[in-house]
Amino acid sequence: MFTGIIQAVGRVKSIDRTGIGVRIATELDGLDIDELSIGDSICVNGVCLTVVEISGMVVGFDISNETLSCTTFASIETGGSVNIELAMKASDRLDGHIVSGHVDAVAKLLSIREDGNSKRYDFEIPNHFIKYICQKGSICIDGVSLTVNSIQGNIFSVNIIPHTLLHTVFSEYRSGSYVNIEVDIVSRYLERLLTERQ
């Protein structure tokens, strides 16, 4: 389980596509990984991945074909930046919102515009998923816990403050970029409960 509060920006050092799926090695400079072990979970751009290799500050993950098919990892490149969050401890404070690391959809960034002291990002999401998003509700974009500002059709917007721009990969996004989306977990379970009652 994660909170959507990014702890570091990692750099993809290598990508191995020779086996089934993909193995990526990511450098985690600036993050305390002394207690990290093989088998631990890390949220990488909003995706919960299992640590399979550790070499100094470089950590390896295997990405299955299933994950490749429903996230932006299919187009990941060596040298690319990724948002990193270590798994939440039971004693941690929940600063963001509950994030599972299970991506629901990939959204397209349509535009970025100045909005006071922040920047407003407009994203287009597949029609089926907009019902899980509500104004002033929580959403996770590439692992970042954010608040939805507005919704129009299947387009929603979020505001990104300077601190978030400085400490995540949001500063690297351009119109046309694709991002991983995890909707608020409460909305998914609510739909399931309501469906079961019908």
Protein backbone atom coordinates (compact mmCIF):
# COMPACT_ATOMS: atom_id res chain seq x y z
CA MET A 1 0.00 0.00 0.00
CA PHE A 2 1.15 3.53 -0.81
CA THR A 3 0.10 7.14 -0.17
CA GLY A 4 0.85 8.91 -3.44
CA ILE A 5 3.52 11.10 -1.81
CA ILE A 6 6.59 10.80 -4.03
CA GLN A 7 9.85 10.21 -2.17
CA ALA A 8 12.31 10.40 -5.07
CA VAL A 9 12.62 10.63 -8.83
CA GLY A 10 14.47 7.62 -10.20
CA ARG A 11 16.27 7.18 -13.50
CA VAL A 12 15.90 4.11 -15.72
CA LYS A 13 19.43 2.75 -16.18
CA SER A 14 18.69 -0.23 -18.40
CA ILE A 15 15.86 -2.18 -20.01
CA ASP A 16 16.10 -5.88 -20.84
CA ARG A 17 13.45 -7.12 -23.25
CA THR A 18 15.06 -10.51 -24.00
CA GLY A 19 12.86 -12.58 -21.65
CA ILE A 20 9.14 -12.81 -21.03
CA GLY A 21 8.01 -9.29 -20.26
CA VAL A 22 10.63 -6.67 -19.41
CA ARG A 23 13.22 -6.17 -16.68
CA ILE A 24 14.16 -2.60 -15.83
CA ALA A 25 16.97 -1.37 -13.61
CA THR A 26 16.27 1.95 -11.92
CA GLU A 27 18.68 4.20 -10.05
CA LEU A 28 17.19 5.46 -6.79
CA ASP A 29 19.62 8.21 -5.79
CA GLY A 30 18.47 10.32 -2.86
CA LEU A 31 16.37 7.54 -1.35
CA ASP A 32 17.25 5.59 1.80
CA ILE A 33 17.10 1.95 0.67
CA ASP A 34 19.29 0.41 3.40
CA GLU A 35 16.36 -1.71 4.62
CA LEU A 36 15.17 -2.62 1.11
CA SER A 37 15.11 -6.36 0.35
CA ILE A 38 14.41 -8.64 -2.58
CA GLY A 39 10.65 -9.17 -2.73
CA ASP A 40 9.73 -5.73 -1.37
CA SER A 41 7.19 -3.59 -3.20
CA ILE A 42 7.95 -0.16 -4.66
CA CYS A 43 5.56 2.13 -6.49
CA VAL A 44 7.16 3.17 -9.80
CA ASN A 45 5.16 5.74 -11.77
CA GLY A 46 2.05 4.54 -9.98
CA VAL A 47 2.67 0.83 -10.56
CA CYS A 48 3.37 -1.54 -7.67
CA LEU A 49 6.49 -3.51 -8.67
CA THR A 50 8.47 -6.20 -6.85
CA VAL A 51 12.19 -5.76 -6.23
CA VAL A 52 14.11 -8.61 -7.90
CA GLU A 53 17.65 -7.17 -7.88
CA ILE A 54 19.60 -4.71 -5.75
CA SER A 55 23.05 -3.40 -6.70
CA GLY A 56 24.04 -0.35 -4.72
CA MET A 57 21.47 2.33 -5.54
CA VAL A 58 20.21 0.47 -8.62
CA VAL A 59 17.10 -1.66 -8.16
CA GLY A 60 15.69 -4.13 -10.70
CA PHE A 61 12.04 -4.95 -11.41
CA ASP A 62 10.36 -7.47 -13.68
CA ILE A 63 7.37 -6.11 -15.59
CA SER A 64 4.90 -8.70 -16.84
CA ASN A 65 3.17 -8.62 -20.20
CA GLU A 66 -0.09 -7.89 -18.35
CA THR A 67 1.43 -4.77 -16.79
CA LEU A 68 2.92 -3.74 -20.14
CA SER A 69 -0.51 -3.99 -21.75
CA CYS A 70 -2.30 -1.63 -19.34
CA THR A 71 0.35 0.92 -18.28
CA THR A 72 2.83 3.30 -19.88
CA PHE A 73 5.71 0.87 -19.26
CA ALA A 74 5.37 -0.46 -22.81
CA SER A 75 6.97 2.79 -24.01
CA ILE A 76 9.49 3.32 -21.21
CA GLU A 77 12.98 4.35 -22.35
CA THR A 78 16.48 4.16 -20.90
CA GLY A 79 17.30 7.46 -19.19
CA GLY A 80 13.64 8.19 -18.48
CA SER A 81 12.55 9.59 -15.12
CA VAL A 82 10.10 7.77 -12.86
CA ASN A 83 8.30 8.71 -9.64
CA ILE A 84 9.28 6.48 -6.71
CA GLU A 85 7.53 5.69 -3.43
CA LEU A 86 8.48 2.93 -1.00
CA ALA A 87 5.68 0.83 0.47
CA MET A 88 3.91 2.39 3.42
CA LYS A 89 4.69 1.13 6.93
CA ALA A 90 1.85 0.48 9.38
CA SER A 91 3.25 3.25 11.60
CA ASP A 92 3.41 5.85 8.79
CA ARG A 93 1.17 8.89 8.59
CA LEU A 94 -1.23 8.81 5.62
CA ASP A 95 -0.36 12.13 3.97
CA GLY A 96 -1.93 11.58 0.54
CA HIS A 97 -4.65 9.00 -0.01
CA ILE A 98 -4.79 5.21 -0.17
CA VAL A 99 -2.98 4.04 -3.31
CA SER A 100 -2.74 0.36 -4.25
CA GLY A 101 -0.36 0.65 -7.18
CA HIS A 102 -2.87 -1.08 -9.47
CA VAL A 103 -3.31 1.07 -12.57
CA ASP A 104 -6.85 1.44 -13.91
CA ALA A 105 -6.20 3.29 -17.15
CA VAL A 106 -3.76 5.29 -19.21
CA ALA A 107 -4.69 8.95 -19.80
CA LYS A 108 -3.43 11.46 -22.36
CA LEU A 109 -2.25 14.93 -21.37
CA LEU A 110 -4.09 17.44 -23.56
CA SER A 111 -2.79 20.75 -22.30
CA ILE A 112 -0.79 22.60 -19.65
CA ARG A 113 -1.58 26.20 -18.76
CA GLU A 114 -0.59 28.70 -16.12
CA ASP A 115 -3.11 29.05 -13.30
CA GLY A 116 -1.99 31.52 -10.67
CA ASN A 117 1.06 30.14 -8.87
CA SER A 118 0.41 26.66 -10.23
CA LYS A 119 -0.12 24.92 -13.54
CA ARG A 120 -3.32 23.27 -14.68
CA TYR A 121 -3.02 19.94 -16.47
CA ASP A 122 -5.94 18.64 -18.54
CA PHE A 123 -6.11 14.88 -19.10
CA GLU A 124 -8.32 12.77 -21.33
CA ILE A 125 -9.25 9.36 -19.95
CA PRO A 126 -11.17 6.52 -21.66
CA ASN A 127 -14.91 7.11 -21.28
CA HIS A 128 -15.46 4.00 -19.15
CA PHE A 129 -13.31 5.35 -16.30
CA ILE A 130 -14.64 8.90 -15.96
CA LYS A 131 -17.47 7.65 -13.72
CA TYR A 132 -14.88 6.84 -11.03
CA ILE A 133 -13.60 10.43 -10.94
CA CYS A 134 -15.35 13.20 -9.03
CA GLN A 135 -14.65 16.89 -8.56
CA LYS A 136 -12.53 17.49 -5.44
CA GLY A 137 -11.98 13.72 -5.19
CA SER A 138 -8.60 11.98 -5.10
CA ILE A 139 -6.77 10.59 -8.11
CA CYS A 140 -3.32 9.09 -8.56
CA ILE A 141 -1.34 10.15 -11.66
CA ASP A 142 1.96 8.33 -12.21
CA GLY A 143 2.01 7.64 -8.49
CA VAL A 144 1.24 11.21 -7.38
CA SER A 145 -1.75 11.78 -5.09
CA LEU A 146 -3.75 14.71 -6.48
CA THR A 147 -7.12 16.43 -6.18
CA VAL A 148 -9.42 16.64 -9.19
CA ASN A 149 -10.34 20.26 -9.93
CA SER A 150 -12.86 19.90 -12.70
CA ILE A 151 -14.48 17.38 -15.04
CA GLN A 152 -15.98 17.96 -18.47
CA GLY A 153 -17.01 14.91 -20.47
CA ASN A 154 -14.08 12.50 -20.25
CA ILE A 155 -11.57 15.28 -19.52
CA PHE A 156 -10.46 16.12 -16.00
CA SER A 157 -7.99 18.66 -14.68
CA VAL A 158 -5.58 18.90 -11.76
CA ASN A 159 -3.45 21.76 -10.50
CA ILE A 160 0.24 21.18 -9.89
CA ILE A 161 2.00 23.45 -7.40
CA PRO A 162 5.70 24.38 -7.75
CA HIS A 163 6.78 21.90 -5.05
CA THR A 164 5.19 19.00 -6.95
CA LEU A 165 6.77 20.17 -10.22
CA LEU A 166 10.17 20.23 -8.53
CA HIS A 167 9.94 16.82 -6.86
CA THR A 168 8.14 14.66 -9.46
CA VAL A 169 8.30 13.98 -13.19
CA PHE A 170 5.40 16.37 -13.88
CA SER A 171 7.91 18.99 -15.05
CA GLU A 172 8.85 16.66 -17.94
CA TYR A 173 5.32 16.17 -19.28
CA ARG A 174 4.29 17.75 -22.55
CA SER A 175 0.98 17.82 -24.44
CA GLY A 176 0.54 14.30 -25.80
CA SER A 177 2.30 12.59 -22.89
CA TYR A 178 0.63 9.47 -21.48
CA VAL A 179 0.33 8.75 -17.76
CA ASN A 180 -0.80 5.94 -15.49
CA ILE A 181 -4.07 6.55 -13.65
CA GLU A 182 -5.38 4.93 -10.49
CA VAL A 183 -8.82 6.12 -9.47
CA ASP A 184 -9.82 6.45 -5.83
CA ILE A 185 -10.04 2.91 -4.47
CA VAL A 186 -13.24 3.79 -2.58
CA SER A 187 -15.10 4.44 -5.85
CA ARG A 188 -14.13 1.03 -7.22
CA TYR A 189 -15.34 -0.84 -4.15
CA LEU A 190 -18.52 1.22 -3.99
CA GLU A 191 -19.38 0.27 -7.56
CA ARG A 192 -18.73 -3.40 -6.78
CA LEU A 193 -20.97 -3.30 -3.71
CA LEU A 194 -23.77 -1.53 -5.52
CA THR A 195 -23.56 -3.93 -8.48
CA GLU A 196 -23.76 -6.95 -6.17
CA ARG A 197 -26.96 -5.57 -4.57
CA GLN A 198 -28.80 -5.28 -7.89
